[in-house]
Amino acid sequence: MTTALRKDAARNWDRIVAVARDLVDQGVPLQLNDVARRAGLGVGTVYRHFASPEALLETVATPCLEALAAHGEQALADTDPWRAFEGFLLRVVEAQVTDASLAPVTAAEADSLPRTSELKESLRSAGGTLLDRARAAGAVRPDVVAGDLVPLMCGIAHAVDVRGRTSADRIDTARRYLSTLLGGLRATGERVPCPTAGRGDLPSH
């Protein structure tokens, strides 16, 4: 009986997260009562799994955050400071324009889940270290600091949102905007080729 209950709870959890994922992709704000109705579950069942809409949203965003954190670790192992920095920013901006759960979770000042805080700190640390390495190597302007990265990345994501269009167009636009940004960040001021794909696929939803 205990095993059956655990399997049932796992199925309910999966169903709740799947419904929430669909709503986030549609741009619909998460409300636990609405999620319960769409999932065909009781409200109490949803609340037993997720104490708040914020906790559910963070759960939806977790696979993307984990993939970005893993890429950050890989980038830190790259011996070319500029390539590592560029590659990390490329993955971040691509994720921002393809996963609607990422922006509100990363922008939130407080987190509902410890795992979210852990992943966000990992991303901040990786980004800061990659920037420090690139700056120390003379590849990045000396006046650029770690605190500049988040608003700059958010600026690109917002600009892409303004343009709209299809998912493929959004990624292409984000890469072009990032190329422009990287050109301004480089200490040499030289034009940076537009980043391209081929650095690994983003996580599927």
C-alpha atoms as a PDB file:
ATOM      1  CA  MET A   1       0.000   0.000   0.000  1.00  0.00           C
ATOM      2  CA  THR A   2       2.815   2.397   0.853  1.00  0.00           C
ATOM      3  CA  THR A   3       4.465   1.768  -2.522  1.00  0.00           C
ATOM      4  CA  ALA A   4       1.171   2.371  -4.312  1.00  0.00           C
ATOM      5  CA  LEU A   5       0.681   5.652  -2.453  1.00  0.00           C
ATOM      6  CA  ARG A   6       4.187   6.772  -3.332  1.00  0.00           C
ATOM      7  CA  LYS A   7       3.629   5.989  -7.010  1.00  0.00           C
ATOM      8  CA  ASP A   8       0.338   7.870  -6.954  1.00  0.00           C
ATOM      9  CA  ALA A   9       1.987  10.886  -5.310  1.00  0.00           C
ATOM     10  CA  ALA A  10       4.779  10.821  -7.903  1.00  0.00           C
ATOM     11  CA  ARG A  11       2.245  10.739 -10.736  1.00  0.00           C
ATOM     12  CA  ASN A  12       0.386  13.665  -9.205  1.00  0.00           C
ATOM     13  CA  TRP A  13       3.633  15.644  -8.842  1.00  0.00           C
ATOM     14  CA  ASP A  14       4.529  14.988 -12.474  1.00  0.00           C
ATOM     15  CA  ARG A  15       1.036  15.993 -13.596  1.00  0.00           C
ATOM     16  CA  ILE A  16       1.118  19.230 -11.616  1.00  0.00           C
ATOM     17  CA  VAL A  17       4.514  20.234 -12.975  1.00  0.00           C
ATOM     18  CA  ALA A  18       3.504  19.356 -16.554  1.00  0.00           C
ATOM     19  CA  VAL A  19       0.381  21.516 -16.325  1.00  0.00           C
ATOM     20  CA  ALA A  20       2.382  24.347 -14.783  1.00  0.00           C
ATOM     21  CA  ARG A  21       4.978  24.055 -17.560  1.00  0.00           C
ATOM     22  CA  ASP A  22       2.257  24.443 -20.181  1.00  0.00           C
ATOM     23  CA  LEU A  23       0.770  27.460 -18.436  1.00  0.00           C
ATOM     24  CA  VAL A  24       4.145  29.163 -18.113  1.00  0.00           C
ATOM     25  CA  ASP A  25       4.841  28.570 -21.810  1.00  0.00           C
ATOM     26  CA  GLN A  26       1.481  30.168 -22.612  1.00  0.00           C
ATOM     27  CA  GLY A  27       2.293  33.182 -20.462  1.00  0.00           C
ATOM     28  CA  VAL A  28      -0.442  32.385 -17.933  1.00  0.00           C
ATOM     29  CA  PRO A  29       0.385  33.329 -14.295  1.00  0.00           C
ATOM     30  CA  LEU A  30       0.416  30.304 -12.010  1.00  0.00           C
ATOM     31  CA  GLN A  31      -2.405  29.988  -9.497  1.00  0.00           C
ATOM     32  CA  LEU A  32      -2.559  26.740  -7.538  1.00  0.00           C
ATOM     33  CA  ASN A  33      -6.361  26.498  -7.718  1.00  0.00           C
ATOM     34  CA  ASP A  34      -6.195  26.868 -11.500  1.00  0.00           C
ATOM     35  CA  VAL A  35      -3.409  24.304 -11.762  1.00  0.00           C
ATOM     36  CA  ALA A  36      -5.414  21.845  -9.672  1.00  0.00           C
ATOM     37  CA  ARG A  37      -8.464  22.265 -11.899  1.00  0.00           C
ATOM     38  CA  ARG A  38      -6.498  21.805 -15.100  1.00  0.00           C
ATOM     39  CA  ALA A  39      -4.642  18.805 -13.687  1.00  0.00           C
ATOM     40  CA  GLY A  40      -7.872  17.183 -12.539  1.00  0.00           C
ATOM     41  CA  LEU A  41      -6.683  17.071  -8.928  1.00  0.00           C
ATOM     42  CA  GLY A  42      -7.935  18.404  -5.632  1.00  0.00           C
ATOM     43  CA  VAL A  43      -6.570  21.722  -4.463  1.00  0.00           C
ATOM     44  CA  GLY A  44      -5.293  20.079  -1.294  1.00  0.00           C
ATOM     45  CA  THR A  45      -3.229  17.641  -3.354  1.00  0.00           C
ATOM     46  CA  VAL A  46      -1.502  20.491  -5.170  1.00  0.00           C
ATOM     47  CA  TYR A  47      -0.832  22.365  -1.927  1.00  0.00           C
ATOM     48  CA  ARG A  48       0.684  19.250  -0.362  1.00  0.00           C
ATOM     49  CA  HIS A  49       3.276  19.207  -3.118  1.00  0.00           C
ATOM     50  CA  PHE A  50       3.773  22.960  -3.530  1.00  0.00           C
ATOM     51  CA  ALA A  51       3.224  25.496  -0.775  1.00  0.00           C
ATOM     52  CA  SER A  52       2.980  28.455  -3.161  1.00  0.00           C
ATOM     53  CA  PRO A  53       2.849  29.390  -6.848  1.00  0.00           C
ATOM     54  CA  GLU A  54       6.432  30.609  -6.487  1.00  0.00           C
ATOM     55  CA  ALA A  55       7.603  27.168  -5.353  1.00  0.00           C
ATOM     56  CA  LEU A  56       5.855  25.589  -8.332  1.00  0.00           C
ATOM     57  CA  LEU A  57       7.355  28.109 -10.756  1.00  0.00           C
ATOM     58  CA  GLU A  58      10.832  27.469  -9.353  1.00  0.00           C
ATOM     59  CA  THR A  59      10.291  23.738  -9.819  1.00  0.00           C
ATOM     60  CA  VAL A  60       9.377  24.340 -13.454  1.00  0.00           C
ATOM     61  CA  ALA A  61      12.543  26.404 -13.915  1.00  0.00           C
ATOM     62  CA  THR A  62      14.850  23.932 -12.141  1.00  0.00           C
ATOM     63  CA  PRO A  63      15.850  21.815 -15.194  1.00  0.00           C
ATOM     64  CA  CYS A  64      16.920  24.949 -17.072  1.00  0.00           C
ATOM     65  CA  LEU A  65      18.805  26.321 -14.063  1.00  0.00           C
ATOM     66  CA  GLU A  66      20.549  22.978 -13.577  1.00  0.00           C
ATOM     67  CA  ALA A  67      21.602  22.858 -17.227  1.00  0.00           C
ATOM     68  CA  LEU A  68      22.983  26.393 -17.042  1.00  0.00           C
ATOM     69  CA  ALA A  69      24.834  25.642 -13.808  1.00  0.00           C
ATOM     70  CA  ALA A  70      26.367  22.550 -15.412  1.00  0.00           C
ATOM     71  CA  HIS A  71      27.455  24.606 -18.412  1.00  0.00           C
ATOM     72  CA  GLY A  72      28.980  27.147 -16.060  1.00  0.00           C
ATOM     73  CA  GLU A  73      31.116  24.409 -14.536  1.00  0.00           C
ATOM     74  CA  GLN A  74      32.181  23.264 -17.999  1.00  0.00           C
ATOM     75  CA  ALA A  75      33.043  26.825 -19.001  1.00  0.00           C
ATOM     76  CA  LEU A  76      35.253  27.212 -15.940  1.00  0.00           C
ATOM     77  CA  ALA A  77      37.291  24.259 -17.185  1.00  0.00           C
ATOM     78  CA  ASP A  78      37.919  25.962 -20.547  1.00  0.00           C
ATOM     79  CA  THR A  79      41.479  27.290 -20.738  1.00  0.00           C
ATOM     80  CA  ASP A  80      40.510  30.119 -23.121  1.00  0.00           C
ATOM     81  CA  PRO A  81      39.086  32.907 -20.900  1.00  0.00           C
ATOM     82  CA  TRP A  82      37.244  34.767 -23.660  1.00  0.00           C
ATOM     83  CA  ARG A  83      35.782  31.654 -25.284  1.00  0.00           C
ATOM     84  CA  ALA A  84      34.565  30.413 -21.902  1.00  0.00           C
ATOM     85  CA  PHE A  85      32.991  33.778 -21.047  1.00  0.00           C
ATOM     86  CA  GLU A  86      31.344  34.136 -24.462  1.00  0.00           C
ATOM     87  CA  GLY A  87      30.012  30.576 -24.415  1.00  0.00           C
ATOM     88  CA  PHE A  88      28.503  30.987 -20.971  1.00  0.00           C
ATOM     89  CA  LEU A  89      26.717  34.222 -21.912  1.00  0.00           C
ATOM     90  CA  LEU A  90      25.448  32.612 -25.100  1.00  0.00           C
ATOM     91  CA  ARG A  91      23.839  29.747 -23.201  1.00  0.00           C
ATOM     92  CA  VAL A  92      22.322  32.135 -20.674  1.00  0.00           C
ATOM     93  CA  VAL A  93      20.770  34.423 -23.261  1.00  0.00           C
ATOM     94  CA  GLU A  94      19.447  31.485 -25.310  1.00  0.00           C
ATOM     95  CA  ALA A  95      17.819  30.071 -22.201  1.00  0.00           C
ATOM     96  CA  GLN A  96      16.305  33.441 -21.343  1.00  0.00           C
ATOM     97  CA  VAL A  97      14.521  33.717 -24.665  1.00  0.00           C
ATOM     98  CA  THR A  98      13.354  30.090 -24.865  1.00  0.00           C
ATOM     99  CA  ASP A  99      12.286  29.273 -21.290  1.00  0.00           C
ATOM    100  CA  ALA A 100       9.629  31.619 -19.922  1.00  0.00           C
ATOM    101  CA  SER A 101      10.139  30.380 -16.356  1.00  0.00           C
ATOM    102  CA  LEU A 102      13.736  31.560 -16.147  1.00  0.00           C
ATOM    103  CA  ALA A 103      13.363  35.362 -16.070  1.00  0.00           C
ATOM    104  CA  PRO A 104      10.908  35.663 -13.148  1.00  0.00           C
ATOM    105  CA  VAL A 105      12.786  33.102 -11.070  1.00  0.00           C
ATOM    106  CA  THR A 106      16.204  34.667 -11.575  1.00  0.00           C
ATOM    107  CA  ALA A 107      14.813  38.163 -11.002  1.00  0.00           C
ATOM    108  CA  ALA A 108      13.091  37.271  -7.723  1.00  0.00           C
ATOM    109  CA  GLU A 109      14.823  38.686  -4.644  1.00  0.00           C
ATOM    110  CA  ALA A 110      13.681  35.795  -2.437  1.00  0.00           C
ATOM    111  CA  ASP A 111      13.480  32.101  -3.272  1.00  0.00           C
ATOM    112  CA  SER A 112      10.936  29.563  -2.087  1.00  0.00           C
ATOM    113  CA  LEU A 113      13.142  26.510  -2.533  1.00  0.00           C
ATOM    114  CA  PRO A 114      16.689  25.968  -1.220  1.00  0.00           C
ATOM    115  CA  ARG A 115      17.613  24.287  -4.497  1.00  0.00           C
ATOM    116  CA  THR A 116      16.722  27.469  -6.393  1.00  0.00           C
ATOM    117  CA  SER A 117      18.996  29.563  -4.193  1.00  0.00           C
ATOM    118  CA  GLU A 118      21.810  27.044  -4.648  1.00  0.00           C
ATOM    119  CA  LEU A 119      21.520  27.079  -8.436  1.00  0.00           C
ATOM    120  CA  LYS A 120      21.252  30.856  -8.695  1.00  0.00           C
ATOM    121  CA  GLU A 121      24.344  31.275  -6.539  1.00  0.00           C
ATOM    122  CA  SER A 122      26.191  28.776  -8.728  1.00  0.00           C
ATOM    123  CA  LEU A 123      25.316  30.829 -11.816  1.00  0.00           C
ATOM    124  CA  ARG A 124      26.344  34.104 -10.190  1.00  0.00           C
ATOM    125  CA  SER A 125      29.618  32.601  -9.048  1.00  0.00           C
ATOM    126  CA  ALA A 126      30.406  31.079 -12.440  1.00  0.00           C
ATOM    127  CA  GLY A 127      29.568  34.278 -14.291  1.00  0.00           C
ATOM    128  CA  GLY A 128      31.661  36.382 -11.943  1.00  0.00           C
ATOM    129  CA  THR A 129      34.644  34.050 -12.122  1.00  0.00           C
ATOM    130  CA  LEU A 130      34.483  33.814 -15.919  1.00  0.00           C
ATOM    131  CA  LEU A 131      34.347  37.603 -16.166  1.00  0.00           C
ATOM    132  CA  ASP A 132      37.278  37.989 -13.760  1.00  0.00           C
ATOM    133  CA  ARG A 133      39.373  35.559 -15.801  1.00  0.00           C
ATOM    134  CA  ALA A 134      38.561  37.280 -19.093  1.00  0.00           C
ATOM    135  CA  ARG A 135      39.291  40.700 -17.603  1.00  0.00           C
ATOM    136  CA  ALA A 136      42.571  39.505 -16.099  1.00  0.00           C
ATOM    137  CA  ALA A 137      43.565  38.116 -19.512  1.00  0.00           C
ATOM    138  CA  GLY A 138      42.984  41.540 -21.043  1.00  0.00           C
ATOM    139  CA  ALA A 139      40.043  40.322 -23.130  1.00  0.00           C
ATOM    140  CA  VAL A 140      37.360  42.371 -21.362  1.00  0.00           C
ATOM    141  CA  ARG A 141      37.256  46.074 -20.590  1.00  0.00           C
ATOM    142  CA  PRO A 142      38.568  46.755 -17.059  1.00  0.00           C
ATOM    143  CA  ASP A 143      35.486  48.795 -16.076  1.00  0.00           C
ATOM    144  CA  VAL A 144      33.070  45.878 -16.544  1.00  0.00           C
ATOM    145  CA  VAL A 145      32.088  44.275 -13.218  1.00  0.00           C
ATOM    146  CA  ALA A 146      30.113  41.164 -12.309  1.00  0.00           C
ATOM    147  CA  GLY A 147      27.093  43.246 -11.270  1.00  0.00           C
ATOM    148  CA  ASP A 148      26.754  44.419 -14.869  1.00  0.00           C
ATOM    149  CA  LEU A 149      26.082  40.959 -16.282  1.00  0.00           C
ATOM    150  CA  VAL A 150      22.525  40.351 -15.045  1.00  0.00           C
ATOM    151  CA  PRO A 151      21.059  43.681 -16.227  1.00  0.00           C
ATOM    152  CA  LEU A 152      22.858  43.367 -19.555  1.00  0.00           C
ATOM    153  CA  MET A 153      21.515  39.858 -20.142  1.00  0.00           C
ATOM    154  CA  CYS A 154      18.037  40.920 -19.042  1.00  0.00           C
ATOM    155  CA  GLY A 155      18.274  43.847 -21.442  1.00  0.00           C
ATOM    156  CA  ILE A 156      18.868  41.494 -24.358  1.00  0.00           C
ATOM    157  CA  ALA A 157      15.971  39.261 -23.296  1.00  0.00           C
ATOM    158  CA  HIS A 158      13.654  42.257 -23.033  1.00  0.00           C
ATOM    159  CA  ALA A 159      14.704  43.531 -26.458  1.00  0.00           C
ATOM    160  CA  VAL A 160      13.967  40.100 -27.944  1.00  0.00           C
ATOM    161  CA  ASP A 161      10.553  40.068 -26.244  1.00  0.00           C
ATOM    162  CA  VAL A 162       9.741  43.405 -27.848  1.00  0.00           C
ATOM    163  CA  ARG A 163      10.472  41.962 -31.292  1.00  0.00           C
ATOM    164  CA  GLY A 164       8.475  38.796 -30.639  1.00  0.00           C
ATOM    165  CA  ARG A 165       8.274  36.385 -33.614  1.00  0.00           C
ATOM    166  CA  THR A 166       8.942  32.645 -33.624  1.00  0.00           C
ATOM    167  CA  SER A 167      11.224  30.718 -31.286  1.00  0.00           C
ATOM    168  CA  ALA A 168      13.899  30.331 -33.993  1.00  0.00           C
ATOM    169  CA  ASP A 169      13.762  34.052 -34.769  1.00  0.00           C
ATOM    170  CA  ARG A 170      14.049  34.868 -31.065  1.00  0.00           C
ATOM    171  CA  ILE A 171      17.219  32.795 -30.713  1.00  0.00           C
ATOM    172  CA  ASP A 172      18.766  34.315 -33.836  1.00  0.00           C
ATOM    173  CA  THR A 173      17.907  37.820 -32.640  1.00  0.00           C
ATOM    174  CA  ALA A 174      19.329  37.099 -29.179  1.00  0.00           C
ATOM    175  CA  ARG A 175      22.593  35.900 -30.712  1.00  0.00           C
ATOM    176  CA  ARG A 176      22.891  39.041 -32.841  1.00  0.00           C
ATOM    177  CA  TYR A 177      22.218  41.292 -29.867  1.00  0.00           C
ATOM    178  CA  LEU A 178      24.731  39.347 -27.782  1.00  0.00           C
ATOM    179  CA  SER A 179      27.319  39.765 -30.542  1.00  0.00           C
ATOM    180  CA  THR A 180      26.814  43.523 -30.338  1.00  0.00           C
ATOM    181  CA  LEU A 181      27.120  43.446 -26.562  1.00  0.00           C
ATOM    182  CA  LEU A 182      30.275  41.322 -26.668  1.00  0.00           C
ATOM    183  CA  GLY A 183      31.814  43.759 -29.113  1.00  0.00           C
ATOM    184  CA  GLY A 184      31.332  46.491 -26.527  1.00  0.00           C
ATOM    185  CA  LEU A 185      32.703  44.371 -23.708  1.00  0.00           C
ATOM    186  CA  ARG A 186      35.921  43.392 -25.451  1.00  0.00           C
ATOM    187  CA  ALA A 187      38.938  45.360 -24.375  1.00  0.00           C
ATOM    188  CA  THR A 188      40.130  45.598 -27.986  1.00  0.00           C
ATOM    189  CA  GLY A 189      36.831  47.006 -29.220  1.00  0.00           C
ATOM    190  CA  GLU A 190      37.028  44.703 -32.215  1.00  0.00           C
ATOM    191  CA  ARG A 191      33.895  43.314 -33.807  1.00  0.00           C
ATOM    192  CA  VAL A 192      32.916  39.937 -32.385  1.00  0.00           C
ATOM    193  CA  PRO A 193      31.501  37.317 -34.793  1.00  0.00           C
ATOM    194  CA  CYS A 194      27.872  36.455 -34.118  1.00  0.00           C
ATOM    195  CA  PRO A 195      27.696  33.479 -31.723  1.00  0.00           C
ATOM    196  CA  THR A 196      26.361  30.345 -33.351  1.00  0.00           C
ATOM    197  CA  ALA A 197      24.815  27.091 -32.251  1.00  0.00           C
ATOM    198  CA  GLY A 198      26.781  23.898 -31.799  1.00  0.00           C
ATOM    199  CA  ARG A 199      27.635  24.353 -28.117  1.00  0.00           C
ATOM    200  CA  GLY A 200      25.117  21.766 -26.921  1.00  0.00           C
ATOM    201  CA  ASP A 201      21.348  21.675 -26.844  1.00  0.00           C
ATOM    202  CA  LEU A 202      19.280  23.484 -24.291  1.00  0.00           C
ATOM    203  CA  PRO A 203      17.279  21.308 -21.894  1.00  0.00           C
ATOM    204  CA  SER A 204      13.925  20.152 -23.142  1.00  0.00           C
ATOM    205  CA  HIS A 205      10.870  21.074 -21.094  1.00  0.00           C
END
